[in-house]
């Protein structure tokens, strides 16, 4: 199936989720994420503010701030470009270009500081090899390409509902793969799956 068809199908399923289901499934996934050793050891956590039925990351953001970790959120800075800015509290956000809450801070992440980092990535569909279908604008793929050199200490984690994880989805050479996928019921370690 083509990417745009999968995108339509998954967005339609997600929009049918009730608010209570989003909250309960997100809370389950957030608990699994926070139990991961990489989260516990991370100096920096990169997250997103959820929209349109995405897995909610609020609890992760709250816990990371409470534990004294550096927390960064994305901000659209140009056509198909974004940067991550640090927040010190959950209130330090305002609606951005697409109506998504973005950081109001001007403290840009410094990638020359090699710190253990975990980045939570939104998306529409994923597969068991770590492939991702986003919303089609390429924000995350471009960002990863730009920052990838010299940043070995970043774990890329997708947050998704179980139904968003498919056996296989189409991918392009420029698409970045996820290291893990966390759903309400499981943590999928892509590297271990591929090796077995």
Protein backbone atom coordinates (compact mmCIF):
# COMPACT_ATOMS: atom_id res chain seq x y z
CA UNK A 1 0.00 0.00 0.00
CA UNK A 2 1.24 3.52 -0.78
CA UNK A 3 2.30 5.94 1.95
CA UNK A 4 -0.56 8.39 1.38
CA UNK A 5 -3.16 5.59 1.65
CA UNK A 6 -1.62 4.30 4.88
CA UNK A 7 -1.50 7.88 6.20
CA UNK A 8 -5.21 8.42 5.44
CA UNK A 9 -6.18 5.08 6.99
CA UNK A 10 -4.18 5.59 10.18
CA UNK A 11 -5.29 9.21 10.68
CA UNK A 12 -8.91 8.14 10.26
CA UNK A 13 -8.48 5.40 12.90
CA UNK A 14 -6.75 7.79 15.27
CA UNK A 15 -9.44 10.46 14.91
CA UNK A 16 -12.05 7.90 15.97
CA UNK A 17 -10.37 7.34 19.34
CA UNK A 18 -12.32 8.63 22.30
CA UNK A 19 -10.61 11.12 24.61
CA UNK A 20 -10.68 8.56 27.46
CA UNK A 21 -8.95 5.96 25.26
CA UNK A 22 -6.25 8.44 24.25
CA UNK A 23 -5.61 9.29 27.90
CA UNK A 24 -5.51 5.70 29.17
CA UNK A 25 -3.43 4.30 26.30
CA UNK A 26 -1.03 7.27 26.47
CA UNK A 27 -0.58 6.81 30.22
CA UNK A 28 0.25 3.12 29.72
CA UNK A 29 2.80 3.96 27.00
CA UNK A 30 4.29 6.79 29.06
CA UNK A 31 4.83 4.46 32.00
CA UNK A 32 6.64 1.96 29.77
CA UNK A 33 8.76 4.72 28.27
CA UNK A 34 9.73 6.08 31.70
CA UNK A 35 10.68 2.57 32.85
CA UNK A 36 13.25 2.26 30.05
CA UNK A 37 16.84 2.38 31.28
CA UNK A 38 17.73 4.87 28.53
CA UNK A 39 15.14 7.34 29.81
CA UNK A 40 16.35 6.94 33.38
CA UNK A 41 19.97 7.56 32.34
CA UNK A 42 19.20 10.34 29.84
CA UNK A 43 20.50 13.83 30.46
CA UNK A 44 18.21 15.26 27.78
CA UNK A 45 14.70 14.35 26.67
CA UNK A 46 13.26 15.60 23.39
CA UNK A 47 9.49 15.41 23.20
CA UNK A 48 6.55 16.99 21.40
CA UNK A 49 3.22 18.50 22.45
CA UNK A 50 0.51 16.15 21.23
CA UNK A 51 -2.21 17.14 18.76
CA UNK A 52 -5.04 15.45 16.86
CA UNK A 53 -5.15 12.24 18.89
CA UNK A 54 -1.40 11.62 19.01
CA UNK A 55 -0.01 9.72 21.97
CA UNK A 56 0.15 12.25 24.80
CA UNK A 57 3.64 12.96 26.13
CA UNK A 58 2.65 15.26 29.02
CA UNK A 59 3.53 12.78 31.77
CA UNK A 60 6.96 12.14 30.25
CA UNK A 61 7.64 15.87 30.06
CA UNK A 62 6.47 16.35 33.67
CA UNK A 63 8.58 13.46 34.97
CA UNK A 64 11.68 14.50 33.03
CA UNK A 65 11.45 18.06 34.37
CA UNK A 66 10.86 16.75 37.91
CA UNK A 67 13.97 14.55 37.62
CA UNK A 68 16.07 17.54 36.56
CA UNK A 69 16.59 16.41 32.98
CA UNK A 70 16.91 18.94 30.18
CA UNK A 71 13.67 18.95 28.17
CA UNK A 72 13.42 20.20 24.60
CA UNK A 73 10.44 20.69 22.29
CA UNK A 74 10.39 21.39 18.55
CA UNK A 75 9.65 24.76 17.00
CA UNK A 76 9.04 25.35 13.29
CA UNK A 77 11.70 27.79 12.10
CA UNK A 78 11.22 27.73 8.33
CA UNK A 79 9.70 25.81 5.47
CA UNK A 80 10.10 22.14 6.46
CA UNK A 81 12.67 23.13 9.11
CA UNK A 82 12.54 22.90 12.89
CA UNK A 83 14.82 23.32 15.88
CA UNK A 84 14.55 22.10 19.46
CA UNK A 85 14.41 24.62 22.30
CA UNK A 86 14.67 23.96 26.02
CA UNK A 87 11.74 24.40 28.37
CA UNK A 88 12.01 24.69 32.14
CA UNK A 89 8.28 24.24 32.82
CA UNK A 90 5.28 22.97 30.90
CA UNK A 91 3.83 26.48 30.78
CA UNK A 92 6.68 27.78 28.58
CA UNK A 93 4.79 27.07 25.34
CA UNK A 94 2.53 28.97 22.94
CA UNK A 95 0.70 28.05 19.71
CA UNK A 96 3.11 28.00 16.77
CA UNK A 97 2.84 28.08 13.01
CA UNK A 98 0.49 25.09 12.73
CA UNK A 99 -1.37 25.70 15.98
CA UNK A 100 0.85 23.18 17.78
CA UNK A 101 2.24 24.25 21.14
CA UNK A 102 5.90 25.24 20.76
CA UNK A 103 8.53 26.45 23.24
CA UNK A 104 8.75 30.20 23.79
CA UNK A 105 12.35 29.87 25.00
CA UNK A 106 15.28 30.90 22.85
CA UNK A 107 17.65 28.33 24.40
CA UNK A 108 18.53 26.16 21.41
CA UNK A 109 19.89 22.66 22.02
CA UNK A 110 23.67 22.51 21.85
CA UNK A 111 24.58 19.31 19.98
CA UNK A 112 28.28 19.84 20.57
CA UNK A 113 27.64 18.82 24.20
CA UNK A 114 27.62 15.04 23.99
CA UNK A 115 24.95 14.05 26.47
CA UNK A 116 22.82 10.93 26.65
CA UNK A 117 19.62 11.87 24.86
CA UNK A 118 16.26 10.28 24.10
CA UNK A 119 14.04 11.75 21.40
CA UNK A 120 10.34 10.91 21.22
CA UNK A 121 9.04 11.14 17.68
CA UNK A 122 5.40 11.43 16.59
CA UNK A 123 4.14 9.72 13.47
CA UNK A 124 1.21 8.20 11.66
CA UNK A 125 2.45 4.64 11.06
CA UNK A 126 5.48 2.50 11.86
CA UNK A 127 6.68 -0.99 11.07
CA UNK A 128 8.67 -3.74 12.76
CA UNK A 129 11.89 -2.61 11.05
CA UNK A 130 11.63 0.88 12.54
CA UNK A 131 10.35 2.61 9.43
CA UNK A 132 8.09 5.61 9.98
CA UNK A 133 5.42 7.44 8.04
CA UNK A 134 5.01 10.97 9.33
CA UNK A 135 2.71 13.70 8.13
CA UNK A 136 4.55 14.12 4.83
CA UNK A 137 6.50 17.37 5.36
CA UNK A 138 9.80 15.70 6.30
CA UNK A 139 10.55 17.83 9.39
CA UNK A 140 12.04 14.99 11.45
CA UNK A 141 13.93 13.31 8.58
CA UNK A 142 15.61 16.60 7.68
CA UNK A 143 16.42 17.31 11.33
CA UNK A 144 17.97 13.88 11.91
CA UNK A 145 20.05 14.19 8.75
CA UNK A 146 21.36 17.56 9.90
CA UNK A 147 22.27 16.55 13.46
CA UNK A 148 23.24 12.90 12.96
CA UNK A 149 26.98 13.34 12.48
CA UNK A 150 28.78 13.19 15.79
CA UNK A 151 25.70 12.44 17.90
CA UNK A 152 25.93 8.76 18.80
CA UNK A 153 24.23 9.19 22.16
CA UNK A 154 20.68 9.74 20.93
CA UNK A 155 17.99 7.07 21.06
CA UNK A 156 15.07 7.71 18.68
CA UNK A 157 11.79 6.41 20.08
CA UNK A 158 8.38 6.44 18.43
CA UNK A 159 5.23 6.70 20.54
CA UNK A 160 2.29 4.95 18.88
CA UNK A 161 -0.92 3.05 19.45
CA UNK A 162 -0.71 -0.68 18.74
CA UNK A 163 -2.79 -0.29 15.57
CA UNK A 164 -0.20 2.14 14.14
CA UNK A 165 2.51 -0.56 14.10
CA UNK A 166 2.22 -2.53 10.86
CA UNK A 167 4.17 -5.52 9.58
CA UNK A 168 5.74 -3.47 6.78
CA UNK A 169 5.40 0.02 5.33
CA UNK A 170 7.06 1.61 2.29
CA UNK A 171 10.25 3.54 2.99
CA UNK A 172 12.70 5.75 1.12
CA UNK A 173 16.50 5.92 1.52
CA UNK A 174 16.20 9.34 3.21
CA UNK A 175 13.67 8.10 5.83
CA UNK A 176 15.12 7.75 9.31
CA UNK A 177 14.44 4.58 11.25
CA UNK A 178 13.32 4.44 14.86
CA UNK A 179 15.43 2.63 17.46
CA UNK A 180 12.38 1.72 19.54
CA UNK A 181 8.61 1.89 19.30
CA UNK A 182 6.61 2.27 22.51
CA UNK A 183 2.90 1.46 22.46
CA UNK A 184 0.36 1.05 25.23
CA UNK A 185 1.21 -2.66 25.38
CA UNK A 186 4.85 -3.12 24.41
CA UNK A 187 8.30 -1.73 23.85
CA UNK A 188 9.62 -2.88 20.48
CA UNK A 189 13.42 -2.86 20.32
CA UNK A 190 14.05 -2.68 16.57
CA UNK A 191 17.71 -3.74 16.70
CA UNK A 192 16.91 -6.89 18.69
CA UNK A 193 14.01 -7.74 16.35
CA UNK A 194 16.18 -7.39 13.24
CA UNK A 195 18.97 -9.51 14.75
CA UNK A 196 16.65 -12.41 15.64
